[in-house]
């Protein structure tokens, strides 16, 4: 009987000693280069220009403009001309800039990616995998002035569920004898899906990822 009590006592002490260890388990650090709906890397959607300046420093900022659907939009490049470059789009047409409408990255050597690994440079096959193999809807390469396809939706897949803010662009990186009849069929279409037979003959990659205010 005494031996049984001794065993129970030792087990109790061992269990009690283990409890503090569980309480002090380290939480994994947040990825400083993550793409989320809160921001991309060091740039957060809720930043004003002043907050952006405070976060990365004035020497890492370059102001400019961009043409967006025929409208001149004021922008700020963070880490301009570096692999880490991020472009911020402002709602305001003049200073002070206080409202970010979009944050975008477009360098395939950049460090930014989602938790799943989606990044600039990802192939369409990889995007479909991250989207639980649901098709991706995009504008048509072949009736676009710049030749890019803008992502229009993820059709209820995992990307849409996890990142409802996410957008981007695709570009064709390789063509393997696209059938003329397929081109004639697709050219009038404003949008296409990644499940179209066209993608049996072309390889495409992500050339821009962006998050937007919803």
N, C-alpha and C. Protein backbone atom coordinates (compact mmCIF):
# COMPACT_ATOMS: atom_id res chain seq x y z
N UNK A 1 0.84 -1.21 0.00
CA UNK A 1 0.00 0.00 0.00
C UNK A 1 0.86 1.25 0.00
N UNK A 2 1.91 1.24 0.84
CA UNK A 2 2.82 2.39 0.89
C UNK A 2 3.51 2.61 -0.44
N UNK A 3 3.83 1.49 -1.12
CA UNK A 3 4.48 1.60 -2.43
C UNK A 3 3.54 2.26 -3.43
N UNK A 4 2.24 1.93 -3.37
CA UNK A 4 1.26 2.52 -4.27
C UNK A 4 1.13 4.01 -4.02
N UNK A 5 1.05 4.41 -2.77
CA UNK A 5 0.96 5.82 -2.41
C UNK A 5 2.19 6.58 -2.88
N UNK A 6 3.36 5.95 -2.74
CA UNK A 6 4.60 6.59 -3.18
C UNK A 6 4.60 6.83 -4.69
N UNK A 7 4.07 5.84 -5.45
CA UNK A 7 4.01 5.96 -6.91
C UNK A 7 3.08 7.09 -7.32
N UNK A 8 1.92 7.16 -6.66
CA UNK A 8 0.96 8.24 -6.95
C UNK A 8 1.57 9.58 -6.63
N UNK A 9 2.29 9.68 -5.53
CA UNK A 9 2.91 10.94 -5.11
C UNK A 9 3.96 11.40 -6.14
N UNK A 10 4.78 10.48 -6.59
CA UNK A 10 5.82 10.81 -7.58
C UNK A 10 5.18 11.26 -8.88
N UNK A 11 4.11 10.57 -9.29
CA UNK A 11 3.42 10.95 -10.53
C UNK A 11 2.84 12.34 -10.42
N UNK A 12 2.27 12.66 -9.27
CA UNK A 12 1.69 13.99 -9.04
C UNK A 12 2.76 15.08 -9.12
N UNK A 13 3.89 14.84 -8.48
CA UNK A 13 4.99 15.82 -8.50
C UNK A 13 5.50 16.03 -9.92
N UNK A 14 5.67 14.93 -10.68
CA UNK A 14 6.18 15.03 -12.06
C UNK A 14 5.21 15.81 -12.93
N UNK A 15 3.92 15.55 -12.74
CA UNK A 15 2.91 16.28 -13.53
C UNK A 15 2.92 17.75 -13.19
N UNK A 16 3.03 18.07 -11.92
CA UNK A 16 3.03 19.46 -11.48
C UNK A 16 4.24 20.20 -12.02
N UNK A 17 5.36 19.51 -12.09
CA UNK A 17 6.58 20.15 -12.61
C UNK A 17 6.48 20.44 -14.10
N UNK A 18 5.66 19.64 -14.78
CA UNK A 18 5.55 19.83 -16.23
C UNK A 18 4.62 20.98 -16.60
N UNK A 19 3.71 21.35 -15.69
CA UNK A 19 2.72 22.38 -16.01
C UNK A 19 3.33 23.72 -16.39
N UNK A 20 4.30 24.25 -15.63
CA UNK A 20 4.88 25.54 -16.01
C UNK A 20 5.54 25.52 -17.39
N UNK A 21 6.10 24.34 -17.77
CA UNK A 21 6.75 24.25 -19.07
C UNK A 21 5.75 24.48 -20.19
N UNK A 22 4.53 23.93 -20.05
CA UNK A 22 3.51 24.11 -21.06
C UNK A 22 3.09 25.56 -21.15
N UNK A 23 3.04 26.23 -19.99
CA UNK A 23 2.61 27.61 -19.96
C UNK A 23 3.63 28.54 -20.62
N UNK A 24 4.87 28.10 -20.69
CA UNK A 24 5.93 28.96 -21.21
C UNK A 24 6.38 28.55 -22.61
N UNK A 25 5.58 27.73 -23.32
CA UNK A 25 5.93 27.39 -24.68
C UNK A 25 5.93 28.64 -25.55
N UNK A 26 6.94 28.78 -26.38
CA UNK A 26 7.08 29.97 -27.20
C UNK A 26 6.10 29.96 -28.37
N UNK A 27 5.48 31.10 -28.60
CA UNK A 27 4.59 31.28 -29.75
C UNK A 27 5.46 31.65 -30.95
N UNK A 28 5.27 30.98 -32.11
CA UNK A 28 6.09 31.31 -33.29
C UNK A 28 5.97 32.79 -33.65
N UNK A 29 7.09 33.39 -34.00
CA UNK A 29 7.10 34.81 -34.36
C UNK A 29 6.38 35.02 -35.68
N UNK A 30 5.70 36.15 -35.80
CA UNK A 30 5.00 36.48 -37.04
C UNK A 30 6.02 36.69 -38.16
N UNK A 31 5.68 36.25 -39.36
CA UNK A 31 6.56 36.40 -40.51
C UNK A 31 6.61 37.88 -40.91
N UNK A 32 7.77 38.53 -40.85
CA UNK A 32 7.86 39.95 -41.19
C UNK A 32 7.63 40.24 -42.67
N UNK A 33 7.62 39.19 -43.50
CA UNK A 33 7.43 39.37 -44.94
C UNK A 33 6.09 38.80 -45.42
N UNK A 34 5.18 38.59 -44.50
CA UNK A 34 3.90 37.96 -44.85
C UNK A 34 3.01 38.87 -45.68
N UNK A 35 2.27 38.24 -46.61
CA UNK A 35 1.18 38.91 -47.30
C UNK A 35 -0.12 38.48 -46.61
N UNK A 36 -0.81 39.42 -46.00
CA UNK A 36 -2.10 39.17 -45.36
C UNK A 36 -3.03 40.31 -45.75
N UNK A 37 -4.27 40.23 -45.30
CA UNK A 37 -5.20 41.32 -45.59
C UNK A 37 -4.92 42.53 -44.71
N UNK A 38 -4.02 42.39 -43.74
CA UNK A 38 -3.62 43.53 -42.90
C UNK A 38 -2.50 44.33 -43.54
N UNK A 39 -1.72 43.69 -44.42
CA UNK A 39 -0.61 44.40 -45.02
C UNK A 39 0.32 43.46 -45.76
N UNK A 40 1.36 44.05 -46.36
CA UNK A 40 2.43 43.28 -47.01
C UNK A 40 3.74 43.70 -46.36
N UNK A 41 4.43 42.73 -45.75
CA UNK A 41 5.69 43.04 -45.08
C UNK A 41 5.49 44.14 -44.05
N UNK A 42 6.34 45.17 -44.09
CA UNK A 42 6.27 46.23 -43.07
C UNK A 42 5.17 47.26 -43.32
N UNK A 43 4.46 47.15 -44.44
CA UNK A 43 3.46 48.16 -44.80
C UNK A 43 2.06 47.63 -44.47
N UNK A 44 1.34 48.36 -43.64
CA UNK A 44 0.01 47.96 -43.20
C UNK A 44 -1.08 48.82 -43.85
N UNK A 45 -2.23 48.19 -44.10
CA UNK A 45 -3.32 48.88 -44.79
C UNK A 45 -3.83 50.09 -44.01
N UNK A 46 -3.69 50.07 -42.69
CA UNK A 46 -4.23 51.18 -41.90
C UNK A 46 -3.22 52.31 -41.68
N UNK A 47 -2.06 52.24 -42.38
CA UNK A 47 -1.05 53.29 -42.22
C UNK A 47 -1.46 54.57 -42.95
N UNK A 48 -1.11 55.68 -42.34
CA UNK A 48 -1.08 56.96 -43.04
C UNK A 48 0.34 57.14 -43.57
N UNK A 49 0.57 58.21 -44.34
CA UNK A 49 1.93 58.46 -44.82
C UNK A 49 2.87 58.68 -43.64
N UNK A 50 2.38 59.38 -42.62
CA UNK A 50 3.21 59.65 -41.43
C UNK A 50 3.60 58.35 -40.74
N UNK A 51 2.67 57.42 -40.64
CA UNK A 51 2.96 56.13 -40.01
C UNK A 51 3.93 55.31 -40.86
N UNK A 52 3.79 55.42 -42.17
CA UNK A 52 4.69 54.72 -43.09
C UNK A 52 6.11 55.27 -42.95
N UNK A 53 6.22 56.57 -42.89
CA UNK A 53 7.51 57.24 -42.70
C UNK A 53 8.15 56.77 -41.40
N UNK A 54 7.34 56.68 -40.34
CA UNK A 54 7.86 56.26 -39.04
C UNK A 54 8.31 54.80 -39.07
N UNK A 55 7.60 53.96 -39.84
CA UNK A 55 7.90 52.53 -39.86
C UNK A 55 9.16 52.19 -40.65
N UNK A 56 9.39 52.85 -41.79
CA UNK A 56 10.51 52.46 -42.66
C UNK A 56 11.54 53.56 -42.88
N UNK A 57 11.20 54.81 -42.53
CA UNK A 57 12.15 55.91 -42.70
C UNK A 57 11.97 56.63 -44.02
N UNK A 58 12.13 57.94 -43.97
CA UNK A 58 11.90 58.78 -45.15
C UNK A 58 12.82 58.44 -46.31
N UNK A 59 14.04 57.99 -46.03
CA UNK A 59 14.99 57.69 -47.10
C UNK A 59 14.59 56.46 -47.90
N UNK A 60 13.64 55.68 -47.38
CA UNK A 60 13.17 54.48 -48.08
C UNK A 60 11.85 54.69 -48.79
N UNK A 61 11.45 55.96 -48.97
CA UNK A 61 10.18 56.29 -49.60
C UNK A 61 10.40 57.16 -50.83
N UNK A 62 9.59 56.91 -51.87
CA UNK A 62 9.66 57.71 -53.09
C UNK A 62 8.24 57.93 -53.61
N UNK A 63 7.83 59.19 -53.66
CA UNK A 63 6.46 59.51 -54.09
C UNK A 63 6.37 59.67 -55.61
N UNK A 64 5.21 59.33 -56.14
CA UNK A 64 4.99 59.45 -57.58
C UNK A 64 3.51 59.32 -57.89
N UNK A 65 3.21 59.01 -59.13
CA UNK A 65 1.83 58.80 -59.56
C UNK A 65 1.77 57.59 -60.47
N UNK A 66 0.55 57.07 -60.64
CA UNK A 66 0.33 55.95 -61.56
C UNK A 66 -1.02 56.14 -62.23
N UNK A 67 -1.12 55.64 -63.47
CA UNK A 67 -2.38 55.68 -64.19
C UNK A 67 -3.18 54.43 -63.85
N UNK A 68 -4.33 54.61 -63.24
CA UNK A 68 -5.19 53.48 -62.87
C UNK A 68 -6.56 53.69 -63.51
N UNK A 69 -6.83 52.89 -64.54
CA UNK A 69 -8.11 53.00 -65.27
C UNK A 69 -8.37 54.42 -65.76
N UNK A 70 -7.31 55.07 -66.27
CA UNK A 70 -7.45 56.42 -66.81
C UNK A 70 -7.41 57.53 -65.77
N UNK A 71 -7.25 57.17 -64.52
CA UNK A 71 -7.19 58.17 -63.45
C UNK A 71 -5.76 58.24 -62.89
N UNK A 72 -5.32 59.44 -62.56
CA UNK A 72 -4.01 59.62 -61.95
C UNK A 72 -4.12 59.39 -60.45
N UNK A 73 -3.38 58.41 -59.97
CA UNK A 73 -3.42 58.05 -58.55
C UNK A 73 -2.05 58.31 -57.94
N UNK A 74 -2.04 58.92 -56.76
CA UNK A 74 -0.78 59.19 -56.08
C UNK A 74 -0.28 57.92 -55.38
N UNK A 75 1.01 57.68 -55.50
CA UNK A 75 1.62 56.46 -54.98
C UNK A 75 2.87 56.78 -54.16
N UNK A 76 3.26 55.81 -53.36
CA UNK A 76 4.55 55.87 -52.67
C UNK A 76 5.23 54.52 -52.82
N UNK A 77 6.46 54.52 -53.32
CA UNK A 77 7.24 53.30 -53.39
C UNK A 77 8.07 53.17 -52.12
N UNK A 78 7.97 52.01 -51.50
CA UNK A 78 8.75 51.70 -50.31
C UNK A 78 9.92 50.82 -50.75
N UNK A 79 11.14 51.16 -50.32
CA UNK A 79 12.36 50.49 -50.77
C UNK A 79 12.44 50.51 -52.31
N UNK A 80 12.35 51.69 -52.92
CA UNK A 80 12.32 51.77 -54.39
C UNK A 80 13.57 51.16 -55.02
N UNK A 81 13.35 50.47 -56.16
CA UNK A 81 14.42 49.85 -56.96
C UNK A 81 15.16 48.73 -56.23
N UNK A 82 14.55 48.21 -55.19
CA UNK A 82 15.12 47.07 -54.48
C UNK A 82 14.20 45.86 -54.68
N UNK A 83 14.72 44.67 -54.40
CA UNK A 83 13.88 43.47 -54.50
C UNK A 83 12.69 43.55 -53.55
N UNK A 84 12.86 44.30 -52.46
CA UNK A 84 11.82 44.44 -51.44
C UNK A 84 10.80 45.53 -51.76
N UNK A 85 10.87 46.11 -52.96
CA UNK A 85 10.00 47.24 -53.30
C UNK A 85 8.51 46.91 -53.14
N UNK A 86 7.80 47.84 -52.54
CA UNK A 86 6.35 47.75 -52.35
C UNK A 86 5.75 49.07 -52.83
N UNK A 87 4.64 49.01 -53.56
CA UNK A 87 3.98 50.22 -54.03
C UNK A 87 2.68 50.43 -53.26
N UNK A 88 2.54 51.64 -52.71
CA UNK A 88 1.35 52.01 -51.95
C UNK A 88 0.52 52.98 -52.78
N UNK A 89 -0.77 52.72 -52.88
CA UNK A 89 -1.70 53.59 -53.61
C UNK A 89 -2.57 54.34 -52.61
N UNK A 90 -2.68 55.67 -52.79
CA UNK A 90 -3.41 56.51 -51.85
C UNK A 90 -4.76 56.92 -52.40
N UNK A 91 -5.71 57.10 -51.50
CA UNK A 91 -7.04 57.59 -51.88
C UNK A 91 -7.00 59.09 -52.15
N UNK A 92 -6.13 59.81 -51.44
CA UNK A 92 -6.08 61.26 -51.55
C UNK A 92 -5.29 61.69 -52.79
N UNK A 93 -5.69 62.81 -53.37
CA UNK A 93 -5.02 63.35 -54.55
C UNK A 93 -3.95 64.37 -54.18
N UNK A 94 -3.83 64.66 -52.91
CA UNK A 94 -2.78 65.57 -52.45
C UNK A 94 -2.48 65.28 -50.98
N UNK A 95 -1.34 65.78 -50.51
CA UNK A 95 -0.98 65.57 -49.12
C UNK A 95 -1.93 66.34 -48.20
N UNK A 96 -2.14 65.86 -46.97
CA UNK A 96 -1.54 64.66 -46.37
C UNK A 96 -2.25 63.38 -46.83
N UNK A 97 -1.45 62.35 -47.13
CA UNK A 97 -1.99 61.06 -47.51
C UNK A 97 -2.32 60.27 -46.24
N UNK A 98 -3.55 59.86 -46.11
CA UNK A 98 -3.97 59.18 -44.87
C UNK A 98 -4.66 57.84 -45.12
N UNK A 99 -5.06 57.57 -46.36
CA UNK A 99 -5.86 56.37 -46.62
C UNK A 99 -5.26 55.54 -47.75
N UNK A 100 -4.80 54.34 -47.43
CA UNK A 100 -4.27 53.43 -48.44
C UNK A 100 -5.42 52.65 -49.08
N UNK A 101 -5.44 52.60 -50.41
CA UNK A 101 -6.46 51.81 -51.12
C UNK A 101 -5.92 50.48 -51.60
N UNK A 102 -4.60 50.44 -51.87
CA UNK A 102 -4.00 49.20 -52.37
C UNK A 102 -2.51 49.17 -52.04
N UNK A 103 -2.01 47.96 -51.79
CA UNK A 103 -0.58 47.72 -51.62
C UNK A 103 -0.19 46.62 -52.59
N UNK A 104 0.88 46.82 -53.36
CA UNK A 104 1.24 45.84 -54.39
C UNK A 104 2.73 45.55 -54.40
N UNK A 105 3.06 44.32 -54.79
CA UNK A 105 4.47 43.92 -55.00
C UNK A 105 4.57 43.27 -56.37
N UNK A 106 5.71 43.45 -57.05
CA UNK A 106 5.83 42.96 -58.42
C UNK A 106 7.24 42.46 -58.76
N UNK A 107 8.04 42.13 -57.77
CA UNK A 107 9.40 41.65 -58.02
C UNK A 107 9.49 40.19 -57.59
N UNK A 108 9.81 39.30 -58.55
CA UNK A 108 9.83 37.88 -58.19
C UNK A 108 11.06 37.50 -57.37
N UNK A 109 11.95 38.47 -57.10
CA UNK A 109 13.06 38.22 -56.19
C UNK A 109 12.74 38.74 -54.79
N UNK A 110 11.54 39.30 -54.63
CA UNK A 110 11.14 39.84 -53.33
C UNK A 110 10.84 38.74 -52.33
N UNK A 111 10.81 39.07 -51.04
CA UNK A 111 10.63 38.07 -49.99
C UNK A 111 9.19 37.81 -49.59
N UNK A 112 8.25 38.54 -50.18
CA UNK A 112 6.89 38.54 -49.66
C UNK A 112 6.07 37.36 -50.19
N UNK A 113 5.31 36.71 -49.29
CA UNK A 113 4.47 35.60 -49.68
C UNK A 113 3.39 35.36 -48.63
N UNK A 114 2.36 34.62 -49.04
CA UNK A 114 1.33 34.23 -48.08
C UNK A 114 1.85 33.07 -47.24
N UNK A 115 1.09 32.70 -46.23
CA UNK A 115 1.50 31.59 -45.37
C UNK A 115 1.63 30.28 -46.15
N UNK A 116 0.84 30.17 -47.23
CA UNK A 116 0.88 28.95 -48.05
C UNK A 116 2.03 28.94 -49.04
N UNK A 117 2.62 30.11 -49.31
CA UNK A 117 3.73 30.18 -50.25
C UNK A 117 3.42 30.91 -51.53
N UNK A 118 2.20 31.45 -51.68
CA UNK A 118 1.87 32.21 -52.88
C UNK A 118 2.66 33.49 -52.92
N UNK A 119 3.32 33.75 -54.06
CA UNK A 119 4.21 34.89 -54.18
C UNK A 119 4.29 35.32 -55.64
N UNK A 120 4.90 36.45 -55.88
CA UNK A 120 5.21 36.86 -57.24
C UNK A 120 6.20 35.83 -57.82
N UNK A 121 5.87 35.30 -58.98
CA UNK A 121 6.68 34.24 -59.56
C UNK A 121 6.02 32.88 -59.46
N UNK A 122 4.95 32.76 -58.66
CA UNK A 122 4.23 31.49 -58.57
C UNK A 122 3.60 31.16 -59.92
N UNK A 123 3.60 29.88 -60.28
CA UNK A 123 2.98 29.45 -61.53
C UNK A 123 1.47 29.34 -61.34
N UNK A 124 0.75 29.29 -62.45
CA UNK A 124 -0.69 29.12 -62.37
C UNK A 124 -1.04 27.81 -61.68
N UNK A 125 -0.29 26.75 -61.96
CA UNK A 125 -0.56 25.46 -61.31
C UNK A 125 -0.42 25.58 -59.80
N UNK A 126 0.56 26.33 -59.33
CA UNK A 126 0.73 26.54 -57.89
C UNK A 126 -0.44 27.33 -57.32
N UNK A 127 -0.87 28.36 -58.04
CA UNK A 127 -2.01 29.16 -57.58
C UNK A 127 -3.24 28.28 -57.45
N UNK A 128 -3.50 27.43 -58.44
CA UNK A 128 -4.66 26.54 -58.39
C UNK A 128 -4.55 25.57 -57.21
N UNK A 129 -3.34 25.13 -56.91
CA UNK A 129 -3.15 24.23 -55.77
C UNK A 129 -3.48 24.96 -54.47
N UNK A 130 -2.99 26.20 -54.32
CA UNK A 130 -3.29 26.96 -53.11
C UNK A 130 -4.78 27.28 -53.02
N UNK A 131 -5.46 27.29 -54.17
CA UNK A 131 -6.89 27.61 -54.21
C UNK A 131 -7.76 26.36 -54.13
N UNK A 132 -7.17 25.26 -53.66
CA UNK A 132 -7.88 23.99 -53.53
C UNK A 132 -8.43 23.54 -54.88
N UNK A 133 -7.66 23.85 -55.94
CA UNK A 133 -7.93 23.43 -57.31
C UNK A 133 -9.24 23.99 -57.89
N UNK A 134 -9.74 25.05 -57.28
CA UNK A 134 -10.85 25.79 -57.89
C UNK A 134 -10.26 26.71 -58.96
N UNK A 135 -11.01 26.96 -60.06
CA UNK A 135 -10.45 27.80 -61.14
C UNK A 135 -10.28 29.24 -60.71
N UNK A 136 -9.36 29.91 -61.40
CA UNK A 136 -9.12 31.34 -61.19
C UNK A 136 -9.69 32.09 -62.39
N UNK A 137 -10.48 33.12 -62.13
CA UNK A 137 -11.03 33.95 -63.21
C UNK A 137 -10.14 35.16 -63.42
N UNK A 138 -9.84 35.47 -64.68
CA UNK A 138 -8.94 36.58 -65.00
C UNK A 138 -9.39 37.26 -66.29
N UNK A 139 -8.90 38.47 -66.51
CA UNK A 139 -9.16 39.12 -67.79
C UNK A 139 -8.37 38.40 -68.89
N UNK A 140 -8.72 38.67 -70.13
CA UNK A 140 -8.16 37.95 -71.26
C UNK A 140 -6.83 38.57 -71.71
N UNK A 141 -5.77 37.75 -71.71
CA UNK A 141 -4.46 38.20 -72.19
C UNK A 141 -4.55 38.81 -73.60
N UNK A 142 -5.39 38.19 -74.44
CA UNK A 142 -5.36 38.47 -75.87
C UNK A 142 -6.22 39.65 -76.30
N UNK A 143 -6.93 40.26 -75.38
CA UNK A 143 -7.56 41.54 -75.73
C UNK A 143 -7.22 42.61 -74.70
N UNK A 144 -6.04 42.45 -74.13
CA UNK A 144 -5.51 43.41 -73.16
C UNK A 144 -4.42 44.24 -73.82
N UNK A 145 -4.43 45.54 -73.57
CA UNK A 145 -3.43 46.43 -74.18
C UNK A 145 -2.02 46.08 -73.72
N UNK A 146 -1.85 45.79 -72.42
CA UNK A 146 -0.51 45.52 -71.90
C UNK A 146 -0.15 44.05 -71.91
N UNK A 147 -1.09 43.17 -72.29
CA UNK A 147 -0.80 41.75 -72.38
C UNK A 147 -0.90 40.99 -71.07
N UNK A 148 -1.22 41.68 -69.98
CA UNK A 148 -1.37 41.02 -68.69
C UNK A 148 -2.82 40.57 -68.49
N UNK A 149 -3.02 39.63 -67.60
CA UNK A 149 -4.36 39.21 -67.19
C UNK A 149 -4.54 39.59 -65.73
N UNK A 150 -5.57 40.37 -65.45
CA UNK A 150 -5.85 40.79 -64.07
C UNK A 150 -6.75 39.76 -63.40
N UNK A 151 -6.38 39.33 -62.21
CA UNK A 151 -7.18 38.36 -61.47
C UNK A 151 -8.51 39.00 -61.06
N UNK A 152 -9.60 38.32 -61.41
CA UNK A 152 -10.94 38.83 -61.08
C UNK A 152 -11.59 38.06 -59.94
N UNK A 153 -11.17 36.84 -59.70
CA UNK A 153 -11.78 36.09 -58.62
C UNK A 153 -11.22 34.69 -58.51
N UNK A 154 -11.47 34.06 -57.33
CA UNK A 154 -10.97 32.72 -57.05
C UNK A 154 -12.10 31.71 -56.88
N UNK A 155 -13.32 32.11 -57.24
CA UNK A 155 -14.46 31.20 -57.34
C UNK A 155 -14.70 30.35 -56.10
N UNK A 156 -14.60 30.98 -54.95
CA UNK A 156 -14.92 30.29 -53.70
C UNK A 156 -13.84 29.35 -53.20
N UNK A 157 -12.66 29.39 -53.79
CA UNK A 157 -11.56 28.54 -53.34
C UNK A 157 -10.92 29.04 -52.06
N UNK A 158 -9.86 28.34 -51.64
CA UNK A 158 -9.21 28.66 -50.37
C UNK A 158 -8.59 30.05 -50.36
N UNK A 159 -8.06 30.50 -51.50
CA UNK A 159 -7.46 31.83 -51.54
C UNK A 159 -8.51 32.89 -51.25
N UNK A 160 -9.66 32.75 -51.86
CA UNK A 160 -10.75 33.71 -51.63
C UNK A 160 -11.20 33.68 -50.17
N UNK A 161 -11.25 32.49 -49.59
CA UNK A 161 -11.67 32.34 -48.19
C UNK A 161 -10.66 32.97 -47.24
N UNK A 162 -9.38 32.68 -47.47
CA UNK A 162 -8.34 33.14 -46.56
C UNK A 162 -7.87 34.57 -46.82
N UNK A 163 -7.99 35.01 -48.09
CA UNK A 163 -7.50 36.34 -48.48
C UNK A 163 -8.52 37.03 -49.39
N UNK A 164 -9.68 37.44 -48.84
CA UNK A 164 -10.69 38.10 -49.68
C UNK A 164 -10.21 39.43 -50.26
N UNK A 165 -9.11 39.93 -49.73
CA UNK A 165 -8.55 41.21 -50.19
C UNK A 165 -7.59 41.05 -51.36
N UNK A 166 -7.24 39.81 -51.74
CA UNK A 166 -6.10 39.57 -52.63
C UNK A 166 -6.46 39.73 -54.10
N UNK A 167 -5.57 40.37 -54.83
CA UNK A 167 -5.67 40.48 -56.28
C UNK A 167 -4.29 40.32 -56.89
N UNK A 168 -4.20 40.52 -58.20
CA UNK A 168 -2.90 40.41 -58.84
C UNK A 168 -3.01 40.34 -60.35
N UNK A 169 -1.88 40.00 -60.96
CA UNK A 169 -1.80 39.90 -62.42
C UNK A 169 -1.00 38.67 -62.82
N UNK A 170 -1.37 38.10 -63.96
CA UNK A 170 -0.61 37.02 -64.59
C UNK A 170 0.02 37.53 -65.88
N UNK A 171 1.12 36.87 -66.28
CA UNK A 171 1.72 37.12 -67.58
C UNK A 171 2.08 35.79 -68.21
N UNK A 172 2.04 35.74 -69.53
CA UNK A 172 2.44 34.53 -70.24
C UNK A 172 3.95 34.46 -70.31
N UNK A 173 4.52 33.34 -69.87
CA UNK A 173 5.97 33.19 -69.89
C UNK A 173 6.43 32.19 -70.96
N UNK A 174 5.48 31.39 -71.48
CA UNK A 174 5.84 30.44 -72.52
C UNK A 174 4.60 30.03 -73.29
N UNK A 175 4.72 29.97 -74.63
CA UNK A 175 3.64 29.49 -75.49
C UNK A 175 4.13 28.29 -76.29
N UNK A 176 3.27 27.29 -76.41
CA UNK A 176 3.65 26.07 -77.13
C UNK A 176 2.66 25.82 -78.26
N UNK A 177 2.75 26.63 -79.30
CA UNK A 177 1.91 26.43 -80.48
C UNK A 177 0.43 26.50 -80.19
N UNK A 178 -0.04 27.67 -79.75
CA UNK A 178 -1.47 27.83 -79.47
C UNK A 178 -2.26 27.67 -80.77
N UNK A 179 -3.28 26.84 -80.74
CA UNK A 179 -4.11 26.60 -81.92
C UNK A 179 -4.84 27.87 -82.33
N UNK A 180 -4.80 28.17 -83.63
CA UNK A 180 -5.43 29.39 -84.14
C UNK A 180 -6.92 29.40 -83.84
N UNK A 181 -7.56 28.24 -83.91
CA UNK A 181 -8.99 28.17 -83.64
C UNK A 181 -9.30 28.50 -82.18
N UNK A 182 -8.39 28.11 -81.29
CA UNK A 182 -8.56 28.44 -79.87
C UNK A 182 -8.45 29.95 -79.67
N UNK A 183 -7.48 30.57 -80.35
CA UNK A 183 -7.32 32.02 -80.24
C UNK A 183 -8.54 32.75 -80.79
N UNK A 184 -9.04 32.30 -81.94
CA UNK A 184 -10.22 32.93 -82.51
C UNK A 184 -11.42 32.82 -81.58
N UNK A 185 -11.48 31.70 -80.91
CA UNK A 185 -12.58 31.45 -79.98
C UNK A 185 -12.50 32.34 -78.75
N UNK A 186 -11.28 32.56 -78.28
CA UNK A 186 -11.12 33.23 -76.99
C UNK A 186 -10.96 34.75 -77.08
N UNK A 187 -10.50 35.24 -78.22
CA UNK A 187 -10.21 36.67 -78.33
C UNK A 187 -11.39 37.59 -77.98
N UNK A 188 -12.61 37.26 -78.33
CA UNK A 188 -13.71 38.17 -77.99
C UNK A 188 -14.07 38.18 -76.51
N UNK A 189 -13.59 37.20 -75.75
CA UNK A 189 -13.99 37.07 -74.35
C UNK A 189 -13.28 38.11 -73.47
N UNK A 190 -14.08 38.76 -72.61
CA UNK A 190 -13.50 39.73 -71.67
C UNK A 190 -12.76 39.02 -70.53
N UNK A 191 -13.27 37.86 -70.13
CA UNK A 191 -12.67 37.10 -69.03
C UNK A 191 -12.52 35.65 -69.42
N UNK A 192 -11.54 34.97 -68.83
CA UNK A 192 -11.35 33.54 -69.04
C UNK A 192 -11.07 32.89 -67.69
N UNK A 193 -11.24 31.58 -67.64
CA UNK A 193 -10.92 30.83 -66.43
C UNK A 193 -9.73 29.93 -66.66
N UNK A 194 -9.04 29.66 -65.56
CA UNK A 194 -7.81 28.85 -65.66
C UNK A 194 -8.08 27.43 -66.11
N UNK A 195 -9.34 27.02 -66.12
CA UNK A 195 -9.69 25.68 -66.59
C UNK A 195 -9.84 25.61 -68.11
N UNK A 196 -9.71 26.74 -68.80
CA UNK A 196 -9.88 26.77 -70.26
C UNK A 196 -8.76 25.98 -70.93
N UNK A 197 -9.09 25.35 -72.06
CA UNK A 197 -8.10 24.54 -72.79
C UNK A 197 -6.90 25.35 -73.27
N UNK A 198 -7.04 26.69 -73.33
CA UNK A 198 -5.92 27.55 -73.71
C UNK A 198 -4.69 27.27 -72.86
N UNK A 199 -4.92 26.97 -71.57
CA UNK A 199 -3.79 26.82 -70.64
C UNK A 199 -3.06 25.50 -70.80
N UNK A 200 -3.53 24.66 -71.74
CA UNK A 200 -2.74 23.48 -72.11
C UNK A 200 -1.58 23.87 -73.02
N UNK A 201 -1.65 25.09 -73.58
CA UNK A 201 -0.65 25.52 -74.56
C UNK A 201 0.18 26.71 -74.09
N UNK A 202 -0.14 27.28 -72.94
CA UNK A 202 0.64 28.42 -72.43
C UNK A 202 0.99 28.21 -70.96
N UNK A 203 2.12 28.74 -70.56
CA UNK A 203 2.52 28.77 -69.15
C UNK A 203 2.42 30.21 -68.67
N UNK A 204 1.82 30.42 -67.52
CA UNK A 204 1.69 31.77 -66.99
C UNK A 204 2.16 31.80 -65.54
N UNK A 205 2.60 32.98 -65.12
CA UNK A 205 3.08 33.19 -63.76
C UNK A 205 2.48 34.47 -63.18
N UNK A 206 2.46 34.52 -61.87
CA UNK A 206 2.05 35.73 -61.17
C UNK A 206 3.15 36.78 -61.32
N UNK A 207 2.78 37.98 -61.81
CA UNK A 207 3.76 39.06 -61.93
C UNK A 207 3.44 40.22 -60.99
N UNK A 208 2.30 40.16 -60.34
CA UNK A 208 1.97 41.15 -59.32
C UNK A 208 0.98 40.52 -58.34
N UNK A 209 1.17 40.83 -57.05
CA UNK A 209 0.20 40.49 -56.02
C UNK A 209 -0.14 41.77 -55.28
N UNK A 210 -1.41 41.91 -54.94
CA UNK A 210 -1.83 43.13 -54.25
C UNK A 210 -2.93 42.82 -53.25
N UNK A 211 -3.04 43.68 -52.26
CA UNK A 211 -4.19 43.63 -51.35
C UNK A 211 -4.89 44.97 -51.43
N UNK A 212 -6.21 44.95 -51.33
CA UNK A 212 -6.99 46.17 -51.47
C UNK A 212 -7.97 46.31 -50.31
N UNK A 213 -8.34 47.53 -50.03
CA UNK A 213 -9.36 47.79 -49.01
C UNK A 213 -10.70 47.28 -49.50
N UNK A 214 -11.44 46.64 -48.63
CA UNK A 214 -12.76 46.10 -49.00
C UNK A 214 -13.86 46.88 -48.30
